[in-house]
Amino acid sequence: MDKVALGRRIKAMRQNLGMTQEEFAERLNCTNSHLGKIENGKGGISIELLVSVANMLHTTVDQLLLDSYDYKEQVIMRDLYERIDKFPVKTKILTCDLLRQLVDIIEKAHDEH
């Protein structure tokens, strides 16, 4: 497991939610010192705490551990599917149309090189 990448991801997601390290540690029922070590990639994390962190950050363990997987694209694709699947039908169609247009642009640029 890439502890440094995990710690960076946790810290960034926590900050995006506007929580201080102290607030987050308190909500997780762990010490600020332990959370600091995790965020700096110097401390270990139990499965139980990792699940709590994911829940608190409104994400999944897969997303937190993305850098540790050999097949990251599967995690990313599943996450995109799950996020899009929550939309109403019209929004799903719009999102898929936009993604299709983006893929067309990327394919065209790739073919030119």
PDB file of N, CA and C in Angstrom:
ATOM      1  N   MET A   1       0.842  -1.177   0.000  1.00  0.00           N
ATOM      2  CA  MET A   1       0.000   0.000   0.000  1.00  0.00           C
ATOM      3  C   MET A   1       0.886   1.237   0.000  1.00  0.00           C
ATOM      4  N   ASP A   2       0.542   2.197  -0.832  1.00  0.00           N
ATOM      5  CA  ASP A   2       1.282   3.455  -0.921  1.00  0.00           C
ATOM      6  C   ASP A   2       0.768   4.400   0.167  1.00  0.00           C
ATOM      7  N   LYS A   3       1.424   4.370   1.321  1.00  0.00           N
ATOM      8  CA  LYS A   3       0.973   5.157   2.473  1.00  0.00           C
ATOM      9  C   LYS A   3       1.034   6.658   2.210  1.00  0.00           C
ATOM     10  N   VAL A   4       2.049   7.095   1.472  1.00  0.00           N
ATOM     11  CA  VAL A   4       2.196   8.524   1.190  1.00  0.00           C
ATOM     12  C   VAL A   4       1.042   9.011   0.315  1.00  0.00           C
ATOM     13  N   ALA A   5       0.741   8.267  -0.745  1.00  0.00           N
ATOM     14  CA  ALA A   5      -0.361   8.655  -1.633  1.00  0.00           C
ATOM     15  C   ALA A   5      -1.693   8.609  -0.893  1.00  0.00           C
ATOM     16  N   LEU A   6      -1.893   7.592  -0.064  1.00  0.00           N
ATOM     17  CA  LEU A   6      -3.113   7.486   0.725  1.00  0.00           C
ATOM     18  C   LEU A   6      -3.253   8.692   1.643  1.00  0.00           C
ATOM     19  N   GLY A   7      -2.185   9.029   2.324  1.00  0.00           N
ATOM     20  CA  GLY A   7      -2.211  10.171   3.241  1.00  0.00           C
ATOM     21  C   GLY A   7      -2.504  11.481   2.522  1.00  0.00           C
ATOM     22  N   ARG A   8      -1.885  11.670   1.377  1.00  0.00           N
ATOM     23  CA  ARG A   8      -2.133  12.891   0.589  1.00  0.00           C
ATOM     24  C   ARG A   8      -3.595  12.975   0.157  1.00  0.00           C
ATOM     25  N   ARG A   9      -4.127  11.843  -0.289  1.00  0.00           N
ATOM     26  CA  ARG A   9      -5.517  11.821  -0.755  1.00  0.00           C
ATOM     27  C   ARG A   9      -6.469  12.123   0.408  1.00  0.00           C
ATOM     28  N   ILE A  10      -6.232  11.518   1.565  1.00  0.00           N
ATOM     29  CA  ILE A  10      -7.075  11.774   2.736  1.00  0.00           C
ATOM     30  C   ILE A  10      -7.020  13.256   3.108  1.00  0.00           C
ATOM     31  N   LYS A  11      -5.826  13.793   3.161  1.00  0.00           N
ATOM     32  CA  LYS A  11      -5.657  15.196   3.545  1.00  0.00           C
ATOM     33  C   LYS A  11      -6.364  16.120   2.554  1.00  0.00           C
ATOM     34  N   ALA A  12      -6.188  15.880   1.263  1.00  0.00           N
ATOM     35  CA  ALA A  12      -6.813  16.732   0.246  1.00  0.00           C
ATOM     36  C   ALA A  12      -8.337  16.662   0.328  1.00  0.00           C
ATOM     37  N   MET A  13      -8.861  15.466   0.503  1.00  0.00           N
ATOM     38  CA  MET A  13     -10.312  15.307   0.573  1.00  0.00           C
ATOM     39  C   MET A  13     -10.872  15.943   1.848  1.00  0.00           C
ATOM     40  N   ARG A  14     -10.148  15.802   2.934  1.00  0.00           N
ATOM     41  CA  ARG A  14     -10.561  16.422   4.195  1.00  0.00           C
ATOM     42  C   ARG A  14     -10.595  17.934   4.043  1.00  0.00           C
ATOM     43  N   GLN A  15      -9.552  18.488   3.447  1.00  0.00           N
ATOM     44  CA  GLN A  15      -9.491  19.930   3.253  1.00  0.00           C
ATOM     45  C   GLN A  15     -10.589  20.418   2.311  1.00  0.00           C
ATOM     46  N   ASN A  16     -10.895  19.622   1.286  1.00  0.00           N
ATOM     47  CA  ASN A  16     -11.974  19.993   0.371  1.00  0.00           C
ATOM     48  C   ASN A  16     -13.319  20.067   1.077  1.00  0.00           C
ATOM     49  N   LEU A  17     -13.477  19.296   2.139  1.00  0.00           N
ATOM     50  CA  LEU A  17     -14.704  19.352   2.929  1.00  0.00           C
ATOM     51  C   LEU A  17     -14.659  20.458   3.979  1.00  0.00           C
ATOM     52  N   GLY A  18     -13.533  21.155   4.052  1.00  0.00           N
ATOM     53  CA  GLY A  18     -13.401  22.278   4.973  1.00  0.00           C
ATOM     54  C   GLY A  18     -13.180  21.880   6.420  1.00  0.00           C
ATOM     55  N   MET A  19     -12.669  20.675   6.643  1.00  0.00           N
ATOM     56  CA  MET A  19     -12.428  20.212   8.011  1.00  0.00           C
ATOM     57  C   MET A  19     -10.954  20.361   8.368  1.00  0.00           C
ATOM     58  N   THR A  20     -10.717  20.785   9.584  1.00  0.00           N
ATOM     59  CA  THR A  20      -9.346  20.811  10.071  1.00  0.00           C
ATOM     60  C   THR A  20      -8.958  19.387  10.450  1.00  0.00           C
ATOM     61  N   GLN A  21      -7.663  19.190  10.608  1.00  0.00           N
ATOM     62  CA  GLN A  21      -7.186  17.874  11.027  1.00  0.00           C
ATOM     63  C   GLN A  21      -7.747  17.522  12.405  1.00  0.00           C
ATOM     64  N   GLU A  22      -7.817  18.511  13.272  1.00  0.00           N
ATOM     65  CA  GLU A  22      -8.334  18.276  14.621  1.00  0.00           C
ATOM     66  C   GLU A  22      -9.806  17.853  14.584  1.00  0.00           C
ATOM     67  N   GLU A  23     -10.621  18.572  13.799  1.00  0.00           N
ATOM     68  CA  GLU A  23     -12.044  18.234  13.684  1.00  0.00           C
ATOM     69  C   GLU A  23     -12.230  16.820  13.128  1.00  0.00           C
ATOM     70  N   PHE A  24     -11.456  16.520  12.098  1.00  0.00           N
ATOM     71  CA  PHE A  24     -11.576  15.225  11.450  1.00  0.00           C
ATOM     72  C   PHE A  24     -11.182  14.103  12.407  1.00  0.00           C
ATOM     73  N   ALA A  25     -10.072  14.295  13.116  1.00  0.00           N
ATOM     74  CA  ALA A  25      -9.611  13.290  14.084  1.00  0.00           C
ATOM     75  C   ALA A  25     -10.669  13.064  15.159  1.00  0.00           C
ATOM     76  N   GLU A  26     -11.266  14.143  15.635  1.00  0.00           N
ATOM     77  CA  GLU A  26     -12.290  14.014  16.674  1.00  0.00           C
ATOM     78  C   GLU A  26     -13.493  13.226  16.154  1.00  0.00           C
ATOM     79  N   ARG A  27     -13.930  13.517  14.931  1.00  0.00           N
ATOM     80  CA  ARG A  27     -15.067  12.793  14.348  1.00  0.00           C
ATOM     81  C   ARG A  27     -14.752  11.311  14.142  1.00  0.00           C
ATOM     82  N   LEU A  28     -13.478  11.035  13.868  1.00  0.00           N
ATOM     83  CA  LEU A  28     -13.058   9.642  13.656  1.00  0.00           C
ATOM     84  C   LEU A  28     -12.770   8.918  14.963  1.00  0.00           C
ATOM     85  N   ASN A  29     -12.774   9.685  16.059  1.00  0.00           N
ATOM     86  CA  ASN A  29     -12.459   9.119  17.363  1.00  0.00           C
ATOM     87  C   ASN A  29     -11.029   8.573  17.404  1.00  0.00           C
ATOM     88  N   CYS A  30     -10.116   9.336  16.804  1.00  0.00           N
ATOM     89  CA  CYS A  30      -8.692   8.987  16.890  1.00  0.00           C
ATOM     90  C   CYS A  30      -7.933  10.253  17.280  1.00  0.00           C
ATOM     91  N   THR A  31      -6.686  10.106  17.606  1.00  0.00           N
ATOM     92  CA  THR A  31      -5.914  11.275  18.029  1.00  0.00           C
ATOM     93  C   THR A  31      -5.467  12.074  16.813  1.00  0.00           C
ATOM     94  N   ASN A  32      -5.285  13.355  17.037  1.00  0.00           N
ATOM     95  CA  ASN A  32      -4.783  14.234  15.986  1.00  0.00           C
ATOM     96  C   ASN A  32      -3.388  13.793  15.552  1.00  0.00           C
ATOM     97  N   SER A  33      -2.606  13.326  16.499  1.00  0.00           N
ATOM     98  CA  SER A  33      -1.258  12.851  16.206  1.00  0.00           C
ATOM     99  C   SER A  33      -1.292  11.653  15.263  1.00  0.00           C
ATOM    100  N   HIS A  34      -2.186  10.706  15.527  1.00  0.00           N
ATOM    101  CA  HIS A  34      -2.293   9.518  14.674  1.00  0.00           C
ATOM    102  C   HIS A  34      -2.752   9.903  13.268  1.00  0.00           C
ATOM    103  N   LEU A  35      -3.761  10.778  13.194  1.00  0.00           N
ATOM    104  CA  LEU A  35      -4.237  11.229  11.889  1.00  0.00           C
ATOM    105  C   LEU A  35      -3.130  11.963  11.136  1.00  0.00           C
ATOM    106  N   GLY A  36      -2.363  12.777  11.839  1.00  0.00           N
ATOM    107  CA  GLY A  36      -1.248  13.488  11.215  1.00  0.00           C
ATOM    108  C   GLY A  36      -0.232  12.523  10.617  1.00  0.00           C
ATOM    109  N   LYS A  37       0.071  11.451  11.334  1.00  0.00           N
ATOM    110  CA  LYS A  37       1.005  10.448  10.820  1.00  0.00           C
ATOM    111  C   LYS A  37       0.445   9.761   9.580  1.00  0.00           C
ATOM    112  N   ILE A  38      -0.852   9.471   9.583  1.00  0.00           N
ATOM    113  CA  ILE A  38      -1.484   8.849   8.414  1.00  0.00           C
ATOM    114  C   ILE A  38      -1.400   9.796   7.223  1.00  0.00           C
ATOM    115  N   GLU A  39      -1.769  11.059   7.435  1.00  0.00           N
ATOM    116  CA  GLU A  39      -1.766  12.038   6.344  1.00  0.00           C
ATOM    117  C   GLU A  39      -0.364  12.309   5.816  1.00  0.00           C
ATOM    118  N   ASN A  40       0.641  12.118   6.639  1.00  0.00           N
ATOM    119  CA  ASN A  40       2.027  12.309   6.198  1.00  0.00           C
ATOM    120  C   ASN A  40       2.660  11.029   5.669  1.00  0.00           C
ATOM    121  N   GLY A  41       1.894   9.950   5.640  1.00  0.00           N
ATOM    122  CA  GLY A  41       2.396   8.686   5.113  1.00  0.00           C
ATOM    123  C   GLY A  41       3.350   7.975   6.034  1.00  0.00           C
ATOM    124  N   LYS A  42       3.362   8.361   7.303  1.00  0.00           N
ATOM    125  CA  LYS A  42       4.309   7.771   8.248  1.00  0.00           C
ATOM    126  C   LYS A  42       3.647   6.810   9.236  1.00  0.00           C
ATOM    127  N   GLY A  43       2.324   6.726   9.192  1.00  0.00           N
ATOM    128  CA  GLY A  43       1.623   5.863  10.135  1.00  0.00           C
ATOM    129  C   GLY A  43       0.722   4.877   9.426  1.00  0.00           C
ATOM    130  N   GLY A  44       0.477   3.771  10.086  1.00  0.00           N
ATOM    131  CA  GLY A  44      -0.417   2.766   9.538  1.00  0.00           C
ATOM    132  C   GLY A  44      -1.868   3.105   9.840  1.00  0.00           C
ATOM    133  N   ILE A  45      -2.758   2.422   9.143  1.00  0.00           N
ATOM    134  CA  ILE A  45      -4.181   2.646   9.348  1.00  0.00           C
ATOM    135  C   ILE A  45      -4.884   1.296   9.339  1.00  0.00           C
ATOM    136  N   SER A  46      -5.749   1.105  10.319  1.00  0.00           N
ATOM    137  CA  SER A  46      -6.490  -0.158  10.391  1.00  0.00           C
ATOM    138  C   SER A  46      -7.594  -0.153   9.334  1.00  0.00           C
ATOM    139  N   ILE A  47      -8.082  -1.320   9.023  1.00  0.00           N
ATOM    140  CA  ILE A  47      -9.185  -1.428   8.066  1.00  0.00           C
ATOM    141  C   ILE A  47     -10.402  -0.681   8.605  1.00  0.00           C
ATOM    142  N   GLU A  48     -10.666  -0.829   9.887  1.00  0.00           N
ATOM    143  CA  GLU A  48     -11.815  -0.164  10.493  1.00  0.00           C
ATOM    144  C   GLU A  48     -11.711   1.346  10.355  1.00  0.00           C
ATOM    145  N   LEU A  49     -10.532   1.898  10.630  1.00  0.00           N
ATOM    146  CA  LEU A  49     -10.349   3.338  10.526  1.00  0.00           C
ATOM    147  C   LEU A  49     -10.401   3.785   9.067  1.00  0.00           C
ATOM    148  N   LEU A  50      -9.844   2.989   8.165  1.00  0.00           N
ATOM    149  CA  LEU A  50      -9.881   3.323   6.752  1.00  0.00           C
ATOM    150  C   LEU A  50     -11.324   3.419   6.253  1.00  0.00           C
ATOM    151  N   VAL A  51     -12.167   2.485   6.671  1.00  0.00           N
ATOM    152  CA  VAL A  51     -13.588   2.515   6.289  1.00  0.00           C
ATOM    153  C   VAL A  51     -14.257   3.749   6.884  1.00  0.00           C
ATOM    154  N   SER A  52     -13.951   4.065   8.130  1.00  0.00           N
ATOM    155  CA  SER A  52     -14.518   5.261   8.761  1.00  0.00           C
ATOM    156  C   SER A  52     -14.087   6.524   8.032  1.00  0.00           C
ATOM    157  N   VAL A  53     -12.826   6.582   7.645  1.00  0.00           N
ATOM    158  CA  VAL A  53     -12.314   7.731   6.891  1.00  0.00           C
ATOM    159  C   VAL A  53     -13.064   7.862   5.571  1.00  0.00           C
ATOM    160  N   ALA A  54     -13.214   6.754   4.853  1.00  0.00           N
ATOM    161  CA  ALA A  54     -13.929   6.777   3.572  1.00  0.00           C
ATOM    162  C   ALA A  54     -15.361   7.266   3.772  1.00  0.00           C
ATOM    163  N   ASN A  55     -16.041   6.740   4.768  1.00  0.00           N
ATOM    164  CA  ASN A  55     -17.415   7.167   5.032  1.00  0.00           C
ATOM    165  C   ASN A  55     -17.482   8.650   5.376  1.00  0.00           C
ATOM    166  N   MET A  56     -16.573   9.100   6.202  1.00  0.00           N
ATOM    167  CA  MET A  56     -16.559  10.498   6.631  1.00  0.00           C
ATOM    168  C   MET A  56     -16.271  11.442   5.451  1.00  0.00           C
ATOM    169  N   LEU A  57     -15.467  10.955   4.497  1.00  0.00           N
ATOM    170  CA  LEU A  57     -15.103  11.771   3.335  1.00  0.00           C
ATOM    171  C   LEU A  57     -16.070  11.580   2.162  1.00  0.00           C
ATOM    172  N   HIS A  58     -17.117  10.781   2.385  1.00  0.00           N
ATOM    173  CA  HIS A  58     -18.131  10.524   1.350  1.00  0.00           C
ATOM    174  C   HIS A  58     -17.502   9.914   0.100  1.00  0.00           C
ATOM    175  N   THR A  59     -16.639   8.946   0.324  1.00  0.00           N
ATOM    176  CA  THR A  59     -15.951   8.282  -0.786  1.00  0.00           C
ATOM    177  C   THR A  59     -15.893   6.787  -0.482  1.00  0.00           C
ATOM    178  N   THR A  60     -15.101   6.075  -1.244  1.00  0.00           N
ATOM    179  CA  THR A  60     -14.946   4.639  -1.029  1.00  0.00           C
ATOM    180  C   THR A  60     -13.493   4.326  -0.676  1.00  0.00           C
ATOM    181  N   VAL A  61     -13.302   3.170  -0.088  1.00  0.00           N
ATOM    182  CA  VAL A  61     -11.950   2.706   0.210  1.00  0.00           C
ATOM    183  C   VAL A  61     -11.170   2.580  -1.092  1.00  0.00           C
ATOM    184  N   ASP A  62     -11.832   2.102  -2.167  1.00  0.00           N
ATOM    185  CA  ASP A  62     -11.170   2.001  -3.478  1.00  0.00           C
ATOM    186  C   ASP A  62     -10.577   3.332  -3.907  1.00  0.00           C
ATOM    187  N   GLN A  63     -11.351   4.393  -3.756  1.00  0.00           N
ATOM    188  CA  GLN A  63     -10.862   5.707  -4.166  1.00  0.00           C
ATOM    189  C   GLN A  63      -9.677   6.153  -3.315  1.00  0.00           C
ATOM    190  N   LEU A  64      -9.725   5.856  -2.045  1.00  0.00           N
ATOM    191  CA  LEU A  64      -8.618   6.235  -1.163  1.00  0.00           C
ATOM    192  C   LEU A  64      -7.348   5.460  -1.497  1.00  0.00           C
ATOM    193  N   LEU A  65      -7.504   4.205  -1.904  1.00  0.00           N
ATOM    194  CA  LEU A  65      -6.352   3.341  -2.175  1.00  0.00           C
ATOM    195  C   LEU A  65      -5.984   3.272  -3.653  1.00  0.00           C
ATOM    196  N   LEU A  66      -6.531   4.170  -4.443  1.00  0.00           N
ATOM    197  CA  LEU A  66      -6.367   4.126  -5.895  1.00  0.00           C
ATOM    198  C   LEU A  66      -4.919   3.911  -6.331  1.00  0.00           C
ATOM    199  N   ASP A  67      -3.984   4.570  -5.691  1.00  0.00           N
ATOM    200  CA  ASP A  67      -2.581   4.476  -6.101  1.00  0.00           C
ATOM    201  C   ASP A  67      -1.948   3.125  -5.791  1.00  0.00           C
ATOM    202  N   SER A  68      -2.631   2.310  -5.009  1.00  0.00           N
ATOM    203  CA  SER A  68      -2.089   1.002  -4.651  1.00  0.00           C
ATOM    204  C   SER A  68      -2.547  -0.113  -5.589  1.00  0.00           C
ATOM    205  N   TYR A  69      -3.487   0.189  -6.469  1.00  0.00           N
ATOM    206  CA  TYR A  69      -4.027  -0.828  -7.363  1.00  0.00           C
ATOM    207  C   TYR A  69      -3.251  -0.904  -8.670  1.00  0.00           C
ATOM    208  N   ASP A  70      -3.129  -2.109  -9.200  1.00  0.00           N
ATOM    209  CA  ASP A  70      -2.524  -2.290 -10.514  1.00  0.00           C
ATOM    210  C   ASP A  70      -3.482  -1.882 -11.623  1.00  0.00           C
ATOM    211  N   TYR A  71      -4.789  -2.014 -11.380  1.00  0.00           N
ATOM    212  CA  TYR A  71      -5.802  -1.734 -12.394  1.00  0.00           C
ATOM    213  C   TYR A  71      -6.658  -0.547 -11.966  1.00  0.00           C
ATOM    214  N   LYS A  72      -6.020   0.613 -11.866  1.00  0.00           N
ATOM    215  CA  LYS A  72      -6.688   1.832 -11.413  1.00  0.00           C
ATOM    216  C   LYS A  72      -7.882   2.182 -12.276  1.00  0.00           C
ATOM    217  N   GLU A  73      -7.764   1.902 -13.570  1.00  0.00           N
ATOM    218  CA  GLU A  73      -8.842   2.293 -14.482  1.00  0.00           C
ATOM    219  C   GLU A  73     -10.163   1.612 -14.115  1.00  0.00           C
ATOM    220  N   GLN A  74     -10.107   0.416 -13.560  1.00  0.00           N
ATOM    221  CA  GLN A  74     -11.341  -0.266 -13.159  1.00  0.00           C
ATOM    222  C   GLN A  74     -12.018   0.462 -12.004  1.00  0.00           C
ATOM    223  N   VAL A  75     -11.242   0.953 -11.082  1.00  0.00           N
ATOM    224  CA  VAL A  75     -11.783   1.708  -9.950  1.00  0.00           C
ATOM    225  C   VAL A  75     -12.392   3.011 -10.459  1.00  0.00           C
ATOM    226  N   ILE A  76     -11.681   3.675 -11.341  1.00  0.00           N
ATOM    227  CA  ILE A  76     -12.160   4.948 -11.881  1.00  0.00           C
ATOM    228  C   ILE A  76     -13.432   4.753 -12.697  1.00  0.00           C
ATOM    229  N   MET A  77     -13.447   3.734 -13.547  1.00  0.00           N
ATOM    230  CA  MET A  77     -14.628   3.477 -14.375  1.00  0.00           C
ATOM    231  C   MET A  77     -15.840   3.124 -13.509  1.00  0.00           C
ATOM    232  N   ARG A  78     -15.644   2.317 -12.488  1.00  0.00           N
ATOM    233  CA  ARG A  78     -16.748   1.948 -11.599  1.00  0.00           C
ATOM    234  C   ARG A  78     -17.265   3.177 -10.862  1.00  0.00           C
ATOM    235  N   ASP A  79     -16.350   4.042 -10.423  1.00  0.00           N
ATOM    236  CA  ASP A  79     -16.753   5.260  -9.723  1.00  0.00           C
ATOM    237  C   ASP A  79     -17.571   6.166 -10.645  1.00  0.00           C
ATOM    238  N   LEU A  80     -17.105   6.332 -11.882  1.00  0.00           N
ATOM    239  CA  LEU A  80     -17.856   7.162 -12.833  1.00  0.00           C
ATOM    240  C   LEU A  80     -19.237   6.578 -13.093  1.00  0.00           C
ATOM    241  N   TYR A  81     -19.289   5.285 -13.296  1.00  0.00           N
ATOM    242  CA  TYR A  81     -20.581   4.630 -13.544  1.00  0.00           C
ATOM    243  C   TYR A  81     -21.533   4.848 -12.368  1.00  0.00           C
ATOM    244  N   GLU A  82     -21.058   4.627 -11.160  1.00  0.00           N
ATOM    245  CA  GLU A  82     -21.908   4.769  -9.981  1.00  0.00           C
ATOM    246  C   GLU A  82     -22.390   6.201  -9.806  1.00  0.00           C
ATOM    247  N   ARG A  83     -21.513   7.161 -10.095  1.00  0.00           N
ATOM    248  CA  ARG A  83     -21.909   8.568  -9.966  1.00  0.00           C
ATOM    249  C   ARG A  83     -22.938   8.946 -11.017  1.00  0.00           C
ATOM    250  N   ILE A  84     -22.716   8.529 -12.248  1.00  0.00           N
ATOM    251  CA  ILE A  84     -23.656   8.850 -13.326  1.00  0.00           C
ATOM    252  C   ILE A  84     -24.985   8.134 -13.102  1.00  0.00           C
ATOM    253  N   ASP A  85     -24.931   6.917 -12.598  1.00  0.00           N
ATOM    254  CA  ASP A  85     -26.136   6.117 -12.409  1.00  0.00           C
ATOM    255  C   ASP A  85     -27.110   6.739 -11.412  1.00  0.00           C
ATOM    256  N   LYS A  86     -26.631   7.615 -10.540  1.00  0.00           N
ATOM    257  CA  LYS A  86     -27.485   8.274  -9.551  1.00  0.00           C
ATOM    258  C   LYS A  86     -28.315   9.411 -10.167  1.00  0.00           C
ATOM    259  N   PHE A  87     -27.950   9.871 -11.357  1.00  0.00           N
ATOM    260  CA  PHE A  87     -28.637  10.993 -11.990  1.00  0.00           C
ATOM    261  C   PHE A  87     -30.003  10.587 -12.528  1.00  0.00           C
ATOM    262  N   PRO A  88     -30.898  11.576 -12.679  1.00  0.00           N
ATOM    263  CA  PRO A  88     -32.134  11.309 -13.406  1.00  0.00           C
ATOM    264  C   PRO A  88     -31.806  10.965 -14.864  1.00  0.00           C
ATOM    265  N   VAL A  89     -32.726  10.320 -15.564  1.00  0.00           N
ATOM    266  CA  VAL A  89     -32.468   9.823 -16.918  1.00  0.00           C
ATOM    267  C   VAL A  89     -31.963  10.924 -17.852  1.00  0.00           C
ATOM    268  N   LYS A  90     -32.588  12.083 -17.862  1.00  0.00           N
ATOM    269  CA  LYS A  90     -32.171  13.172 -18.764  1.00  0.00           C
ATOM    270  C   LYS A  90     -30.730  13.605 -18.475  1.00  0.00           C
ATOM    271  N   THR A  91     -30.370  13.668 -17.209  1.00  0.00           N
ATOM    272  CA  THR A  91     -29.009  14.055 -16.834  1.00  0.00           C
ATOM    273  C   THR A  91     -28.021  12.958 -17.209  1.00  0.00           C
ATOM    274  N   LYS A  92     -28.425  11.694 -17.072  1.00  0.00           N
ATOM    275  CA  LYS A  92     -27.567  10.583 -17.502  1.00  0.00           C
ATOM    276  C   LYS A  92     -27.264  10.699 -18.987  1.00  0.00           C
ATOM    277  N   ILE A  93     -28.301  10.954 -19.782  1.00  0.00           N
ATOM    278  CA  ILE A  93     -28.121  11.057 -21.234  1.00  0.00           C
ATOM    279  C   ILE A  93     -27.207  12.225 -21.577  1.00  0.00           C
ATOM    280  N   LEU A  94     -27.420  13.377 -20.953  1.00  0.00           N
ATOM    281  CA  LEU A  94     -26.571  14.544 -21.195  1.00  0.00           C
ATOM    282  C   LEU A  94     -25.116  14.246 -20.819  1.00  0.00           C
ATOM    283  N   THR A  95     -24.929  13.624 -19.667  1.00  0.00           N
ATOM    284  CA  THR A  95     -23.575  13.293 -19.212  1.00  0.00           C
ATOM    285  C   THR A  95     -22.891  12.339 -20.187  1.00  0.00           C
ATOM    286  N   CYS A  96     -23.609  11.319 -20.638  1.00  0.00           N
ATOM    287  CA  CYS A  96     -23.042  10.360 -21.587  1.00  0.00           C
ATOM    288  C   CYS A  96     -22.729  11.027 -22.927  1.00  0.00           C
ATOM    289  N   ASP A  97     -23.592  11.927 -23.372  1.00  0.00           N
ATOM    290  CA  ASP A  97     -23.317  12.666 -24.606  1.00  0.00           C
ATOM    291  C   ASP A  97     -22.052  13.512 -24.477  1.00  0.00           C
ATOM    292  N   LEU A  98     -21.903  14.179 -23.351  1.00  0.00           N
ATOM    293  CA  LEU A  98     -20.707  14.996 -23.124  1.00  0.00           C
ATOM    294  C   LEU A  98     -19.449  14.132 -23.059  1.00  0.00           C
ATOM    295  N   LEU A  99     -19.537  13.007 -22.376  1.00  0.00           N
ATOM    296  CA  LEU A  99     -18.391  12.093 -22.313  1.00  0.00           C
ATOM    297  C   LEU A  99     -18.043  11.556 -23.699  1.00  0.00           C
ATOM    298  N   ARG A 100     -19.052  11.226 -24.477  1.00  0.00           N
ATOM    299  CA  ARG A 100     -18.831  10.733 -25.840  1.00  0.00           C
ATOM    300  C   ARG A 100     -18.112  11.792 -26.683  1.00  0.00           C
ATOM    301  N   GLN A 101     -18.533  13.046 -26.560  1.00  0.00           N
ATOM    302  CA  GLN A 101     -17.878  14.136 -27.288  1.00  0.00           C
ATOM    303  C   GLN A 101     -16.426  14.297 -26.855  1.00  0.00           C
ATOM    304  N   LEU A 102     -16.187  14.200 -25.568  1.00  0.00           N
ATOM    305  CA  LEU A 102     -14.821  14.313 -25.050  1.00  0.00           C
ATOM    306  C   LEU A 102     -13.948  13.172 -25.565  1.00  0.00           C
ATOM    307  N   VAL A 103     -14.477  11.955 -25.561  1.00  0.00           N
ATOM    308  CA  VAL A 103     -13.727  10.801 -26.080  1.00  0.00           C
ATOM    309  C   VAL A 103     -13.450  10.977 -27.565  1.00  0.00           C
ATOM    310  N   ASP A 104     -14.413  11.501 -28.321  1.00  0.00           N
ATOM    311  CA  ASP A 104     -14.195  11.771 -29.750  1.00  0.00           C
ATOM    312  C   ASP A 104     -13.032  12.727 -29.951  1.00  0.00           C
ATOM    313  N   ILE A 105     -12.983  13.775 -29.153  1.00  0.00           N
ATOM    314  CA  ILE A 105     -11.896  14.777 -29.232  1.00  0.00           C
ATOM    315  C   ILE A 105     -10.556  14.118 -28.909  1.00  0.00           C
ATOM    316  N   ILE A 106     -10.538  13.318 -27.861  1.00  0.00           N
ATOM    317  CA  ILE A 106      -9.288  12.649 -27.449  1.00  0.00           C
ATOM    318  C   ILE A 106      -8.827  11.661 -28.523  1.00  0.00           C
ATOM    319  N   GLU A 107      -9.781  10.897 -29.078  1.00  0.00           N
ATOM    320  CA  GLU A 107      -9.425   9.947 -30.147  1.00  0.00           C
ATOM    321  C   GLU A 107      -8.864  10.670 -31.368  1.00  0.00           C
ATOM    322  N   LYS A 108      -9.487  11.782 -31.732  1.00  0.00           N
ATOM    323  CA  LYS A 108      -9.011  12.551 -32.884  1.00  0.00           C
ATOM    324  C   LYS A 108      -7.598  13.077 -32.643  1.00  0.00           C
ATOM    325  N   ALA A 109      -7.357  13.620 -31.456  1.00  0.00           N
ATOM    326  CA  ALA A 109      -6.021  14.122 -31.119  1.00  0.00           C
ATOM    327  C   ALA A 109      -5.003  12.976 -31.107  1.00  0.00           C
ATOM    328  N   HIS A 110      -5.412  11.818 -30.614  1.00  0.00           N
ATOM    329  CA  HIS A 110      -4.525  10.663 -30.564  1.00  0.00           C
ATOM    330  C   HIS A 110      -4.182  10.178 -31.964  1.00  0.00           C
ATOM    331  N   ASP A 111      -5.175  10.165 -32.859  1.00  0.00           N
ATOM    332  CA  ASP A 111      -4.951   9.725 -34.234  1.00  0.00           C
ATOM    333  C   ASP A 111      -4.021  10.652 -34.995  1.00  0.00           C
ATOM    334  N   GLU A 112      -4.017  11.936 -34.638  1.00  0.00           N
ATOM    335  CA  GLU A 112      -3.162  12.928 -35.320  1.00  0.00           C
ATOM    336  C   GLU A 112      -1.698  12.790 -34.920  1.00  0.00           C
ATOM    337  N   HIS A 113      -1.448  12.120 -33.822  1.00  0.00           N
ATOM    338  CA  HIS A 113      -0.055  11.969 -33.360  1.00  0.00           C
ATOM    339  C   HIS A 113       0.453  10.663 -33.787  1.00  0.00           C
TER     340      HIS A 113
END
